[in-house]
Amino acid sequence: MKVTVFVTPKKTVLDPQGAAVGHAMEHLNVKPSSDVRVGKTIEFELEGSDTPELRAQLEKICDGLLSNPVIEDYRYELA
């Protein structure tokens, strides 16, 4: 099963990289309709099927390894 994890800065956290991208977009005459936020995407494969145990393991990986829960939010998709 393919897992895709999306990690983004929390809305309450300053995102200087996102601000820089937003300003660069404006210089290209593209006006973003909201604040630009820059995050990261992590993809990996796991053996097994979608079970509560697998989701608990994913929560532990995402919260303890792939993101900093103080300043980042995450979500994941299973395919």
PDB file of N, CA and C in Angstrom:
ATOM      1  N   MET A   1       0.841  -1.160   0.000  1.00  0.00           N
ATOM      2  CA  MET A   1       0.000   0.000   0.000  1.00  0.00           C
ATOM      3  C   MET A   1       0.899   1.240   0.000  1.00  0.00           C
ATOM      4  N   LYS A   2       0.539   2.210  -0.847  1.00  0.00           N
ATOM      5  CA  LYS A   2       1.300   3.451  -0.930  1.00  0.00           C
ATOM      6  C   LYS A   2       0.745   4.449   0.082  1.00  0.00           C
ATOM      7  N   VAL A   3       1.655   5.073   0.834  1.00  0.00           N
ATOM      8  CA  VAL A   3       1.292   6.088   1.816  1.00  0.00           C
ATOM      9  C   VAL A   3       1.899   7.406   1.365  1.00  0.00           C
ATOM     10  N   THR A   4       1.090   8.451   1.348  1.00  0.00           N
ATOM     11  CA  THR A   4       1.575   9.797   1.055  1.00  0.00           C
ATOM     12  C   THR A   4       1.246  10.668   2.253  1.00  0.00           C
ATOM     13  N   VAL A   5       2.285  11.276   2.833  1.00  0.00           N
ATOM     14  CA  VAL A   5       2.124  12.140   3.998  1.00  0.00           C
ATOM     15  C   VAL A   5       2.402  13.572   3.569  1.00  0.00           C
ATOM     16  N   PHE A   6       1.479  14.472   3.909  1.00  0.00           N
ATOM     17  CA  PHE A   6       1.625  15.893   3.609  1.00  0.00           C
ATOM     18  C   PHE A   6       1.853  16.629   4.923  1.00  0.00           C
ATOM     19  N   VAL A   7       2.981  17.341   5.024  1.00  0.00           N
ATOM     20  CA  VAL A   7       3.338  18.077   6.231  1.00  0.00           C
ATOM     21  C   VAL A   7       3.371  19.558   5.875  1.00  0.00           C
ATOM     22  N   THR A   8       2.652  20.379   6.639  1.00  0.00           N
ATOM     23  CA  THR A   8       2.602  21.816   6.383  1.00  0.00           C
ATOM     24  C   THR A   8       2.753  22.578   7.694  1.00  0.00           C
ATOM     25  N   PRO A   9       3.256  23.810   7.609  1.00  0.00           N
ATOM     26  CA  PRO A   9       3.333  24.622   8.825  1.00  0.00           C
ATOM     27  C   PRO A   9       1.924  24.904   9.359  1.00  0.00           C
ATOM     28  N   LYS A  10       1.785  24.939  10.669  1.00  0.00           N
ATOM     29  CA  LYS A  10       0.500  25.305  11.259  1.00  0.00           C
ATOM     30  C   LYS A  10       0.146  26.724  10.834  1.00  0.00           C
ATOM     31  N   LYS A  11      -1.151  26.996  10.752  1.00  0.00           N
ATOM     32  CA  LYS A  11      -1.618  28.319  10.324  1.00  0.00           C
ATOM     33  C   LYS A  11      -1.120  29.422  11.254  1.00  0.00           C
ATOM     34  N   THR A  12      -0.869  29.095  12.504  1.00  0.00           N
ATOM     35  CA  THR A  12      -0.431  30.090  13.478  1.00  0.00           C
ATOM     36  C   THR A  12       1.082  30.322  13.463  1.00  0.00           C
ATOM     37  N   VAL A  13       1.808  29.564  12.643  1.00  0.00           N
ATOM     38  CA  VAL A  13       3.267  29.652  12.587  1.00  0.00           C
ATOM     39  C   VAL A  13       3.686  30.451  11.356  1.00  0.00           C
ATOM     40  N   LEU A  14       4.601  31.385  11.550  1.00  0.00           N
ATOM     41  CA  LEU A  14       5.139  32.160  10.449  1.00  0.00           C
ATOM     42  C   LEU A  14       5.830  31.224   9.458  1.00  0.00           C
ATOM     43  N   ASP A  15       5.550  31.426   8.161  1.00  0.00           N
ATOM     44  CA  ASP A  15       6.150  30.591   7.111  1.00  0.00           C
ATOM     45  C   ASP A  15       6.934  31.504   6.168  1.00  0.00           C
ATOM     46  N   PRO A  16       8.201  31.820   6.487  1.00  0.00           N
ATOM     47  CA  PRO A  16       8.970  32.735   5.643  1.00  0.00           C
ATOM     48  C   PRO A  16       9.178  32.223   4.222  1.00  0.00           C
ATOM     49  N   GLN A  17       9.324  30.918   4.060  1.00  0.00           N
ATOM     50  CA  GLN A  17       9.492  30.365   2.716  1.00  0.00           C
ATOM     51  C   GLN A  17       8.203  30.553   1.909  1.00  0.00           C
ATOM     52  N   GLY A  18       7.068  30.320   2.518  1.00  0.00           N
ATOM     53  CA  GLY A  18       5.793  30.542   1.852  1.00  0.00           C
ATOM     54  C   GLY A  18       5.593  32.008   1.489  1.00  0.00           C
ATOM     55  N   ALA A  19       5.989  32.911   2.392  1.00  0.00           N
ATOM     56  CA  ALA A  19       5.881  34.347   2.110  1.00  0.00           C
ATOM     57  C   ALA A  19       6.761  34.726   0.921  1.00  0.00           C
ATOM     58  N   ALA A  20       7.974  34.177   0.864  1.00  0.00           N
ATOM     59  CA  ALA A  20       8.875  34.468  -0.256  1.00  0.00           C
ATOM     60  C   ALA A  20       8.291  33.968  -1.573  1.00  0.00           C
ATOM     61  N   VAL A  21       7.694  32.784  -1.573  1.00  0.00           N
ATOM     62  CA  VAL A  21       7.072  32.250  -2.781  1.00  0.00           C
ATOM     63  C   VAL A  21       5.884  33.134  -3.179  1.00  0.00           C
ATOM     64  N   GLY A  22       5.102  33.556  -2.205  1.00  0.00           N
ATOM     65  CA  GLY A  22       3.968  34.435  -2.492  1.00  0.00           C
ATOM     66  C   GLY A  22       4.404  35.739  -3.132  1.00  0.00           C
ATOM     67  N   HIS A  23       5.471  36.351  -2.608  1.00  0.00           N
ATOM     68  CA  HIS A  23       5.996  37.593  -3.197  1.00  0.00           C
ATOM     69  C   HIS A  23       6.521  37.345  -4.606  1.00  0.00           C
ATOM     70  N   ALA A  24       7.203  36.230  -4.820  1.00  0.00           N
ATOM     71  CA  ALA A  24       7.710  35.907  -6.159  1.00  0.00           C
ATOM     72  C   ALA A  24       6.557  35.720  -7.139  1.00  0.00           C
ATOM     73  N   MET A  25       5.477  35.120  -6.694  1.00  0.00           N
ATOM     74  CA  MET A  25       4.305  34.950  -7.552  1.00  0.00           C
ATOM     75  C   MET A  25       3.731  36.307  -7.959  1.00  0.00           C
ATOM     76  N   GLU A  26       3.693  37.237  -7.009  1.00  0.00           N
ATOM     77  CA  GLU A  26       3.179  38.573  -7.311  1.00  0.00           C
ATOM     78  C   GLU A  26       4.051  39.275  -8.349  1.00  0.00           C
ATOM     79  N   HIS A  27       5.365  39.066  -8.281  1.00  0.00           N
ATOM     80  CA  HIS A  27       6.272  39.651  -9.278  1.00  0.00           C
ATOM     81  C   HIS A  27       6.052  39.048 -10.670  1.00  0.00           C
ATOM     82  N   LEU A  28       5.453  37.865 -10.711  1.00  0.00           N
ATOM     83  CA  LEU A  28       5.115  37.225 -11.986  1.00  0.00           C
ATOM     84  C   LEU A  28       3.667  37.516 -12.388  1.00  0.00           C
ATOM     85  N   ASN A  29       3.080  38.517 -11.730  1.00  0.00           N
ATOM     86  CA  ASN A  29       1.692  38.934 -11.986  1.00  0.00           C
ATOM     87  C   ASN A  29       0.671  37.841 -11.678  1.00  0.00           C
ATOM     88  N   VAL A  30       0.970  37.026 -10.697  1.00  0.00           N
ATOM     89  CA  VAL A  30       0.025  36.025 -10.206  1.00  0.00           C
ATOM     90  C   VAL A  30      -0.277  36.392  -8.763  1.00  0.00           C
ATOM     91  N   LYS A  31      -1.533  36.705  -8.485  1.00  0.00           N
ATOM     92  CA  LYS A  31      -1.928  37.108  -7.134  1.00  0.00           C
ATOM     93  C   LYS A  31      -2.590  35.919  -6.441  1.00  0.00           C
ATOM     94  N   PRO A  32      -1.896  35.312  -5.466  1.00  0.00           N
ATOM     95  CA  PRO A  32      -2.515  34.195  -4.750  1.00  0.00           C
ATOM     96  C   PRO A  32      -3.746  34.685  -3.979  1.00  0.00           C
ATOM     97  N   SER A  33      -4.789  33.855  -3.924  1.00  0.00           N
ATOM     98  CA  SER A  33      -6.018  34.255  -3.239  1.00  0.00           C
ATOM     99  C   SER A  33      -5.925  34.095  -1.727  1.00  0.00           C
ATOM    100  N   SER A  34      -4.886  33.426  -1.248  1.00  0.00           N
ATOM    101  CA  SER A  34      -4.665  33.282   0.191  1.00  0.00           C
ATOM    102  C   SER A  34      -3.161  33.188   0.434  1.00  0.00           C
ATOM    103  N   ASP A  35      -2.797  33.115   1.717  1.00  0.00           N
ATOM    104  CA  ASP A  35      -1.384  32.984   2.056  1.00  0.00           C
ATOM    105  C   ASP A  35      -0.804  31.719   1.427  1.00  0.00           C
ATOM    106  N   VAL A  36       0.416  31.821   0.952  1.00  0.00           N
ATOM    107  CA  VAL A  36       1.113  30.660   0.398  1.00  0.00           C
ATOM    108  C   VAL A  36       1.824  29.955   1.547  1.00  0.00           C
ATOM    109  N   ARG A  37       1.653  28.666   1.644  1.00  0.00           N
ATOM    110  CA  ARG A  37       2.306  27.857   2.671  1.00  0.00           C
ATOM    111  C   ARG A  37       3.140  26.803   1.951  1.00  0.00           C
ATOM    112  N   VAL A  38       4.377  26.620   2.367  1.00  0.00           N
ATOM    113  CA  VAL A  38       5.267  25.631   1.762  1.00  0.00           C
ATOM    114  C   VAL A  38       5.454  24.494   2.764  1.00  0.00           C
ATOM    115  N   GLY A  39       5.255  23.274   2.284  1.00  0.00           N
ATOM    116  CA  GLY A  39       5.402  22.104   3.136  1.00  0.00           C
ATOM    117  C   GLY A  39       6.243  21.053   2.457  1.00  0.00           C
ATOM    118  N   LYS A  40       6.049  19.820   2.878  1.00  0.00           N
ATOM    119  CA  LYS A  40       6.796  18.717   2.284  1.00  0.00           C
ATOM    120  C   LYS A  40       5.871  17.519   2.121  1.00  0.00           C
ATOM    121  N   THR A  41       6.224  16.673   1.180  1.00  0.00           N
ATOM    122  CA  THR A  41       5.476  15.452   0.904  1.00  0.00           C
ATOM    123  C   THR A  41       6.422  14.275   1.048  1.00  0.00           C
ATOM    124  N   ILE A  42       5.975  13.263   1.772  1.00  0.00           N
ATOM    125  CA  ILE A  42       6.765  12.048   1.960  1.00  0.00           C
ATOM    126  C   ILE A  42       5.938  10.879   1.446  1.00  0.00           C
ATOM    127  N   GLU A  43       6.523  10.063   0.578  1.00  0.00           N
ATOM    128  CA  GLU A  43       5.835   8.885   0.035  1.00  0.00           C
ATOM    129  C   GLU A  43       6.623   7.631   0.394  1.00  0.00           C
ATOM    130  N   PHE A  44       5.901   6.579   0.763  1.00  0.00           N
ATOM    131  CA  PHE A  44       6.549   5.298   1.026  1.00  0.00           C
ATOM    132  C   PHE A  44       5.520   4.179   0.882  1.00  0.00           C
ATOM    133  N   GLU A  45       6.025   2.968   0.796  1.00  0.00           N
ATOM    134  CA  GLU A  45       5.190   1.781   0.663  1.00  0.00           C
ATOM    135  C   GLU A  45       5.178   1.024   1.986  1.00  0.00           C
ATOM    136  N   LEU A  46       4.015   0.466   2.316  1.00  0.00           N
ATOM    137  CA  LEU A  46       3.881  -0.385   3.493  1.00  0.00           C
ATOM    138  C   LEU A  46       3.197  -1.679   3.092  1.00  0.00           C
ATOM    139  N   GLU A  47       3.586  -2.765   3.740  1.00  0.00           N
ATOM    140  CA  GLU A  47       2.912  -4.043   3.546  1.00  0.00           C
ATOM    141  C   GLU A  47       1.672  -4.065   4.436  1.00  0.00           C
ATOM    142  N   GLY A  48       0.641  -4.712   3.971  1.00  0.00           N
ATOM    143  CA  GLY A  48      -0.554  -4.869   4.793  1.00  0.00           C
ATOM    144  C   GLY A  48      -1.730  -4.120   4.221  1.00  0.00           C
ATOM    145  N   SER A  49      -2.822  -4.153   4.981  1.00  0.00           N
ATOM    146  CA  SER A  49      -4.052  -3.501   4.549  1.00  0.00           C
ATOM    147  C   SER A  49      -4.427  -2.410   5.545  1.00  0.00           C
ATOM    148  N   ASP A  50      -5.420  -1.630   5.172  1.00  0.00           N
ATOM    149  CA  ASP A  50      -5.877  -0.512   5.993  1.00  0.00           C
ATOM    150  C   ASP A  50      -6.639  -1.049   7.207  1.00  0.00           C
ATOM    151  N   THR A  51      -5.972  -1.024   8.357  1.00  0.00           N
ATOM    152  CA  THR A  51      -6.576  -1.492   9.608  1.00  0.00           C
ATOM    153  C   THR A  51      -6.393  -0.416  10.670  1.00  0.00           C
ATOM    154  N   PRO A  52      -7.142  -0.470  11.757  1.00  0.00           N
ATOM    155  CA  PRO A  52      -6.921   0.485  12.848  1.00  0.00           C
ATOM    156  C   PRO A  52      -5.492   0.436  13.405  1.00  0.00           C
ATOM    157  N   GLU A  53      -4.903  -0.754  13.419  1.00  0.00           N
ATOM    158  CA  GLU A  53      -3.533  -0.893  13.918  1.00  0.00           C
ATOM    159  C   GLU A  53      -2.540  -0.179  12.990  1.00  0.00           C
ATOM    160  N   LEU A  54      -2.748  -0.342  11.672  1.00  0.00           N
ATOM    161  CA  LEU A  54      -1.872   0.331  10.710  1.00  0.00           C
ATOM    162  C   LEU A  54      -2.006   1.844  10.848  1.00  0.00           C
ATOM    163  N   ARG A  55      -3.234   2.321  10.984  1.00  0.00           N
ATOM    164  CA  ARG A  55      -3.442   3.771  11.127  1.00  0.00           C
ATOM    165  C   ARG A  55      -2.815   4.297  12.419  1.00  0.00           C
ATOM    166  N   ALA A  56      -2.866   3.523  13.491  1.00  0.00           N
ATOM    167  CA  ALA A  56      -2.218   3.924  14.743  1.00  0.00           C
ATOM    168  C   ALA A  56      -0.713   4.011  14.553  1.00  0.00           C
ATOM    169  N   GLN A  57      -0.154   3.056  13.810  1.00  0.00           N
ATOM    170  CA  GLN A  57       1.280   3.064  13.519  1.00  0.00           C
ATOM    171  C   GLN A  57       1.637   4.292  12.669  1.00  0.00           C
ATOM    172  N   LEU A  58       0.799   4.606  11.679  1.00  0.00           N
ATOM    173  CA  LEU A  58       1.039   5.785  10.840  1.00  0.00           C
ATOM    174  C   LEU A  58       0.979   7.068  11.651  1.00  0.00           C
ATOM    175  N   GLU A  59       0.014   7.169  12.554  1.00  0.00           N
ATOM    176  CA  GLU A  59      -0.081   8.352  13.416  1.00  0.00           C
ATOM    177  C   GLU A  59       1.202   8.525  14.230  1.00  0.00           C
ATOM    178  N   LYS A  60       1.718   7.422  14.751  1.00  0.00           N
ATOM    179  CA  LYS A  60       2.953   7.465  15.545  1.00  0.00           C
ATOM    180  C   LYS A  60       4.134   7.915  14.692  1.00  0.00           C
ATOM    181  N   ILE A  61       4.229   7.394  13.464  1.00  0.00           N
ATOM    182  CA  ILE A  61       5.319   7.763  12.554  1.00  0.00           C
ATOM    183  C   ILE A  61       5.218   9.237  12.174  1.00  0.00           C
ATOM    184  N   CYS A  62       4.005   9.659  11.808  1.00  0.00           N
ATOM    185  CA  CYS A  62       3.808  11.049  11.368  1.00  0.00           C
ATOM    186  C   CYS A  62       4.063  12.033  12.502  1.00  0.00           C
ATOM    187  N   ASP A  63       3.522  11.729  13.674  1.00  0.00           N
ATOM    188  CA  ASP A  63       3.628  12.652  14.805  1.00  0.00           C
ATOM    189  C   ASP A  63       5.013  12.645  15.439  1.00  0.00           C
ATOM    190  N   GLY A  64       5.683  11.500  15.428  1.00  0.00           N
ATOM    191  CA  GLY A  64       6.952  11.394  16.130  1.00  0.00           C
ATOM    192  C   GLY A  64       8.195  11.480  15.269  1.00  0.00           C
ATOM    193  N   LEU A  65       8.026  11.322  13.939  1.00  0.00           N
ATOM    194  CA  LEU A  65       9.200  11.271  13.073  1.00  0.00           C
ATOM    195  C   LEU A  65       9.118  12.248  11.902  1.00  0.00           C
ATOM    196  N   LEU A  66       7.999  12.236  11.189  1.00  0.00           N
ATOM    197  CA  LEU A  66       7.908  12.995   9.935  1.00  0.00           C
ATOM    198  C   LEU A  66       7.506  14.451  10.119  1.00  0.00           C
ATOM    199  N   SER A  67       6.952  14.807  11.256  1.00  0.00           N
ATOM    200  CA  SER A  67       6.550  16.197  11.486  1.00  0.00           C
ATOM    201  C   SER A  67       6.976  16.642  12.876  1.00  0.00           C
ATOM    202  N   ASN A  68       7.019  17.939  13.046  1.00  0.00           N
ATOM    203  CA  ASN A  68       7.241  18.528  14.358  1.00  0.00           C
ATOM    204  C   ASN A  68       5.881  19.016  14.841  1.00  0.00           C
ATOM    205  N   PRO A  69       5.228  18.296  15.759  1.00  0.00           N
ATOM    206  CA  PRO A  69       3.860  18.623  16.141  1.00  0.00           C
ATOM    207  C   PRO A  69       3.695  20.005  16.780  1.00  0.00           C
ATOM    208  N   VAL A  70       4.772  20.625  17.194  1.00  0.00           N
ATOM    209  CA  VAL A  70       4.686  21.961  17.774  1.00  0.00           C
ATOM    210  C   VAL A  70       4.393  23.000  16.695  1.00  0.00           C
ATOM    211  N   ILE A  71       4.987  22.825  15.500  1.00  0.00           N
ATOM    212  CA  ILE A  71       4.861  23.854  14.458  1.00  0.00           C
ATOM    213  C   ILE A  71       4.259  23.345  13.152  1.00  0.00           C
ATOM    214  N   GLU A  72       4.001  22.025  13.048  1.00  0.00           N
ATOM    215  CA  GLU A  72       3.526  21.471  11.779  1.00  0.00           C
ATOM    216  C   GLU A  72       2.275  20.621  11.973  1.00  0.00           C
ATOM    217  N   ASP A  73       1.436  20.627  10.949  1.00  0.00           N
ATOM    218  CA  ASP A  73       0.297  19.725  10.850  1.00  0.00           C
ATOM    219  C   ASP A  73       0.621  18.682   9.782  1.00  0.00           C
ATOM    220  N   TYR A  74      -0.075  17.559   9.821  1.00  0.00           N
ATOM    221  CA  TYR A  74       0.107  16.545   8.798  1.00  0.00           C
ATOM    222  C   TYR A  74      -1.227  15.892   8.494  1.00  0.00           C
ATOM    223  N   ARG A  75      -1.279  15.306   7.331  1.00  0.00           N
ATOM    224  CA  ARG A  75      -2.370  14.416   6.945  1.00  0.00           C
ATOM    225  C   ARG A  75      -1.762  13.375   6.032  1.00  0.00           C
ATOM    226  N   TYR A  76      -2.421  12.241   5.912  1.00  0.00           N
ATOM    227  CA  TYR A  76      -1.900  11.213   5.031  1.00  0.00           C
ATOM    228  C   TYR A  76      -3.014  10.613   4.196  1.00  0.00           C
ATOM    229  N   GLU A  77      -2.607  10.037   3.068  1.00  0.00           N
ATOM    230  CA  GLU A  77      -3.525   9.336   2.169  1.00  0.00           C
ATOM    231  C   GLU A  77      -2.982   7.943   1.919  1.00  0.00           C
ATOM    232  N   LEU A  78      -3.876   7.004   1.835  1.00  0.00           N
ATOM    233  CA  LEU A  78      -3.511   5.610   1.548  1.00  0.00           C
ATOM    234  C   LEU A  78      -4.046   5.256   0.163  1.00  0.00           C
ATOM    235  N   ALA A  79      -3.221   4.594  -0.628  1.00  0.00           N
ATOM    236  CA  ALA A  79      -3.671   4.165  -1.966  1.00  0.00           C
ATOM    237  C   ALA A  79      -3.229   2.746  -2.233  1.00  0.00           C
TER     238      ALA A  79
END
